[in-house]
Amino acid sequence: MKQLIDLEHWNRKEHFKFFSSFDDPFFGITTLVDFTDIYKRSKEEKKSFFLYSVHYLLKCVNETKAFKLRIENEQVVLYDFIHVSLTIGREDGTFGFVFFEYDANLDVFIQNAEKEIERVKNGNGLSFSENTGRPDLIRYSALPWFAFSEMKHAVSFGKGDSVPRISTGKLVQEDEKYLLPISILAHHALMDGRNMAELIEKLGIKKKINII
């Protein structure tokens, strides 16, 4: 479900019109967040850190209003819930797209996610489904091979895309903490830096931010 935002009475009316006219209206940050508790919890509960962390990320996204806004037909809408489309690698070196529906119940979320992962791993090509192109999601990718301090996302903004992109890198151990590199790209007509800061604060302790 979604609701239409009244642009005429929206306090971001001028911001929306201003940034919507840009050739590239997306802006982004890269930072490190403290995922120590999430890492330890996933190990204690004997659950996949990958799925545990994706569920936690979605929980924080759904608690941050700006990340639930989308531009549709030159109007702004607010979705009740946001899901995730992400990439899953295969043994042959290719990857496909999966769709994970958000569920507040972690066990239900993981059970459904594992079915989607199997679908893609047993398939070929990009494995698009009727859900992977939905607007009520974030596009997510994990790069577990290395930690990064900057990231450039692919965006089809020429087609009116307003879906945020989030990527994470390799978990880095620093003393007794586990830090996760994260990159966030979002449409400036819908949010500002303070909205990204709100999400970052929900995710973990802010360590370093680069503007790209």
Protein backbone atom coordinates (compact mmCIF):
# COMPACT_ATOMS: atom_id res chain seq x y z
CA MET A 1 0.00 0.00 0.00
CA LYS A 2 1.07 3.59 -0.57
CA GLN A 3 -0.19 7.10 -0.05
CA LEU A 4 0.17 10.15 -2.25
CA ILE A 5 2.16 13.08 -0.84
CA ASP A 6 0.46 16.47 -1.27
CA LEU A 7 3.27 18.31 -3.04
CA GLU A 8 1.65 21.72 -2.67
CA HIS A 9 1.78 21.44 1.11
CA TRP A 10 4.97 19.39 1.38
CA ASN A 11 7.82 21.19 3.12
CA ARG A 12 10.17 19.78 0.45
CA LYS A 13 8.14 21.12 -2.48
CA GLU A 14 10.87 23.47 -3.74
CA HIS A 15 13.63 20.95 -3.03
CA PHE A 16 11.71 18.33 -4.99
CA LYS A 17 11.25 20.56 -8.03
CA PHE A 18 14.84 21.81 -7.89
CA PHE A 19 16.61 18.46 -7.73
CA SER A 20 14.13 16.72 -10.05
CA SER A 21 15.41 18.95 -12.85
CA PHE A 22 19.00 17.67 -12.49
CA ASP A 23 20.52 15.38 -15.12
CA ASP A 24 21.85 13.26 -12.25
CA PRO A 25 19.78 13.88 -9.11
CA PHE A 26 21.40 11.11 -7.06
CA PHE A 27 23.89 11.73 -4.27
CA GLY A 28 25.72 9.24 -2.09
CA ILE A 29 27.85 8.54 0.94
CA THR A 30 30.22 5.78 1.99
CA THR A 31 30.92 5.03 5.63
CA LEU A 32 31.72 2.35 8.20
CA VAL A 33 29.06 1.23 10.65
CA ASP A 34 29.54 -0.81 13.79
CA PHE A 35 27.89 -4.17 13.15
CA THR A 36 29.44 -5.90 16.17
CA ASP A 37 26.11 -6.64 17.87
CA ILE A 38 24.52 -7.86 14.64
CA TYR A 39 27.50 -10.11 13.89
CA LYS A 40 27.54 -11.58 17.41
CA ARG A 41 23.77 -12.07 17.48
CA SER A 42 23.81 -13.93 14.16
CA LYS A 43 26.52 -16.27 15.49
CA GLU A 44 24.75 -16.81 18.82
CA GLU A 45 21.50 -17.65 17.05
CA LYS A 46 23.37 -19.76 14.47
CA LYS A 47 21.89 -17.84 11.56
CA SER A 48 23.47 -16.61 8.33
CA PHE A 49 25.15 -13.26 8.97
CA PHE A 50 24.29 -12.25 5.42
CA LEU A 51 20.54 -12.80 5.83
CA TYR A 52 20.57 -11.55 9.41
CA SER A 53 22.23 -8.29 8.34
CA VAL A 54 19.95 -7.81 5.31
CA HIS A 55 16.92 -8.21 7.56
CA TYR A 56 18.37 -5.69 10.03
CA LEU A 57 19.09 -3.26 7.19
CA LEU A 58 15.51 -3.56 5.94
CA LYS A 59 14.18 -3.04 9.45
CA CYS A 60 16.14 0.22 9.73
CA VAL A 61 15.07 1.32 6.23
CA ASN A 62 11.42 0.77 7.15
CA GLU A 63 11.92 2.94 10.23
CA THR A 64 13.31 5.80 8.13
CA LYS A 65 10.50 7.60 6.31
CA ALA A 66 12.59 9.24 3.58
CA PHE A 67 13.72 5.82 2.31
CA LYS A 68 10.09 4.84 1.76
CA LEU A 69 9.40 7.71 -0.66
CA ARG A 70 9.35 7.17 -4.43
CA ILE A 71 8.64 9.30 -7.49
CA GLU A 72 5.88 7.90 -9.69
CA ASN A 73 4.33 9.78 -12.61
CA GLU A 74 5.95 13.02 -11.38
CA GLN A 75 4.25 12.59 -8.02
CA VAL A 76 5.71 11.51 -4.68
CA VAL A 77 4.32 8.46 -2.91
CA LEU A 78 5.04 6.98 0.51
CA TYR A 79 5.01 3.18 0.74
CA ASP A 80 3.90 1.36 3.87
CA PHE A 81 6.72 -1.16 3.61
CA ILE A 82 9.94 -1.43 1.66
CA HIS A 83 11.43 -4.73 0.49
CA VAL A 84 14.75 -5.54 -1.17
CA SER A 85 16.07 -6.72 -4.53
CA LEU A 86 19.63 -7.97 -4.42
CA THR A 87 22.19 -9.99 -6.29
CA ILE A 88 23.12 -13.59 -5.54
CA GLY A 89 26.26 -15.15 -6.99
CA ARG A 90 26.51 -18.57 -8.61
CA GLU A 91 29.38 -21.04 -8.77
CA ASP A 92 29.93 -20.24 -12.47
CA GLY A 93 30.77 -16.62 -11.62
CA THR A 94 27.47 -15.10 -12.78
CA PHE A 95 24.78 -13.59 -10.59
CA GLY A 96 21.02 -13.22 -10.61
CA PHE A 97 18.50 -10.95 -8.93
CA VAL A 98 16.36 -12.08 -6.01
CA PHE A 99 13.47 -10.38 -4.23
CA PHE A 100 13.16 -10.61 -0.46
CA GLU A 101 9.84 -9.49 0.99
CA TYR A 102 10.23 -7.72 4.31
CA ASP A 103 8.74 -9.50 7.28
CA ALA A 104 9.27 -8.31 10.85
CA ASN A 105 9.61 -11.96 11.87
CA LEU A 106 13.25 -12.88 11.21
CA ASP A 107 12.61 -16.62 10.85
CA VAL A 108 9.85 -16.07 8.28
CA PHE A 109 12.07 -13.62 6.39
CA ILE A 110 14.99 -16.08 6.27
CA GLN A 111 12.77 -18.99 5.24
CA ASN A 112 11.35 -17.04 2.28
CA ALA A 113 14.76 -15.60 1.38
CA GLU A 114 16.36 -19.05 1.22
CA LYS A 115 13.71 -20.17 -1.30
CA GLU A 116 14.52 -17.16 -3.51
CA ILE A 117 18.24 -17.86 -3.27
CA GLU A 118 17.67 -21.43 -4.41
CA ARG A 119 15.59 -20.18 -7.34
CA VAL A 120 18.44 -18.01 -8.57
CA LYS A 121 21.26 -20.45 -7.89
CA ASN A 122 19.42 -23.12 -9.90
CA GLY A 123 18.68 -20.68 -12.71
CA ASN A 124 20.74 -18.76 -15.22
CA GLY A 125 21.05 -15.25 -16.60
CA LEU A 126 19.76 -12.36 -14.51
CA SER A 127 16.79 -14.36 -13.18
CA PHE A 128 14.42 -11.41 -13.12
CA SER A 129 11.00 -12.04 -11.62
CA GLU A 130 7.82 -9.95 -11.52
CA ASN A 131 9.03 -8.56 -8.19
CA THR A 132 12.63 -7.55 -8.84
CA GLY A 133 11.62 -4.42 -10.75
CA ARG A 134 9.14 -3.12 -8.18
CA PRO A 135 9.56 0.45 -6.88
CA ASP A 136 8.75 -0.41 -3.25
CA LEU A 137 12.20 -1.80 -2.53
CA ILE A 138 15.85 -0.90 -2.20
CA ARG A 139 18.46 -2.29 -4.55
CA TYR A 140 21.17 -4.00 -2.56
CA SER A 141 24.46 -5.67 -3.36
CA ALA A 142 27.08 -7.23 -1.11
CA LEU A 143 30.78 -7.16 -1.99
CA PRO A 144 32.24 -9.51 0.64
CA TRP A 145 35.67 -9.73 -1.01
CA PHE A 146 37.02 -6.34 0.10
CA ALA A 147 36.34 -3.28 2.21
CA PHE A 148 35.76 -0.06 0.29
CA SER A 149 35.88 3.64 1.13
CA GLU A 150 34.02 4.84 -1.96
CA MET A 151 31.46 3.36 -4.34
CA LYS A 152 29.85 4.24 -7.68
CA HIS A 153 26.42 2.72 -8.29
CA ALA A 154 24.75 2.10 -11.63
CA VAL A 155 21.55 4.16 -11.92
CA SER A 156 18.90 4.47 -14.64
CA PHE A 157 17.85 7.97 -13.58
CA GLY A 158 17.04 8.84 -17.20
CA LYS A 159 14.06 6.49 -16.86
CA GLY A 160 12.68 8.19 -13.79
CA ASP A 161 14.21 5.77 -11.32
CA SER A 162 14.13 6.94 -7.68
CA VAL A 163 14.96 3.69 -5.87
CA PRO A 164 17.83 3.96 -3.32
CA ARG A 165 20.94 1.80 -3.81
CA ILE A 166 22.77 0.29 -0.86
CA SER A 167 25.93 -1.81 -0.97
CA THR A 168 28.06 -3.36 1.74
CA GLY A 169 31.66 -4.58 1.67
CA LYS A 170 33.78 -7.03 3.63
CA LEU A 171 33.29 -7.06 7.40
CA VAL A 172 36.40 -5.58 9.01
CA GLN A 173 37.57 -6.52 12.50
CA GLU A 174 39.06 -3.64 14.49
CA ASP A 175 40.11 -4.70 18.00
CA GLU A 176 36.90 -6.22 19.38
CA LYS A 177 34.58 -4.49 16.93
CA TYR A 178 33.26 -5.61 13.55
CA LEU A 179 32.84 -2.73 11.11
CA LEU A 180 30.84 -2.95 7.89
CA PRO A 181 31.58 -0.66 4.92
CA ILE A 182 28.33 0.67 3.49
CA SER A 183 27.48 2.81 0.50
CA ILE A 184 24.14 4.56 0.09
CA LEU A 185 22.89 6.31 -3.05
CA ALA A 186 19.57 8.16 -3.08
CA HIS A 187 17.50 10.68 -5.04
CA HIS A 188 18.15 14.21 -3.74
CA ALA A 189 14.59 15.30 -4.57
CA LEU A 190 13.37 12.90 -1.90
CA MET A 191 15.97 13.22 0.84
CA ASP A 192 19.03 15.05 2.13
CA GLY A 193 22.16 14.18 4.06
CA ARG A 194 20.35 14.31 7.39
CA ASN A 195 18.04 11.51 6.23
CA MET A 196 21.05 9.36 5.38
CA ALA A 197 22.51 10.22 8.77
CA GLU A 198 19.24 9.07 10.36
CA LEU A 199 19.55 5.68 8.68
CA ILE A 200 23.26 5.41 9.53
CA GLU A 201 22.54 6.14 13.20
CA LYS A 202 19.92 3.38 13.23
CA LEU A 203 22.36 0.93 11.62
CA GLY A 204 25.33 1.56 13.91
CA ILE A 205 27.99 3.96 15.11
CA LYS A 206 29.15 6.36 12.43
CA LYS A 207 32.88 6.13 11.75
CA LYS A 208 33.73 7.89 8.51
CA ILE A 209 31.77 9.51 5.71
CA ASN A 210 32.84 10.33 2.18
CA ILE A 211 30.63 12.37 -0.13
CA ILE A 212 30.62 11.13 -3.73
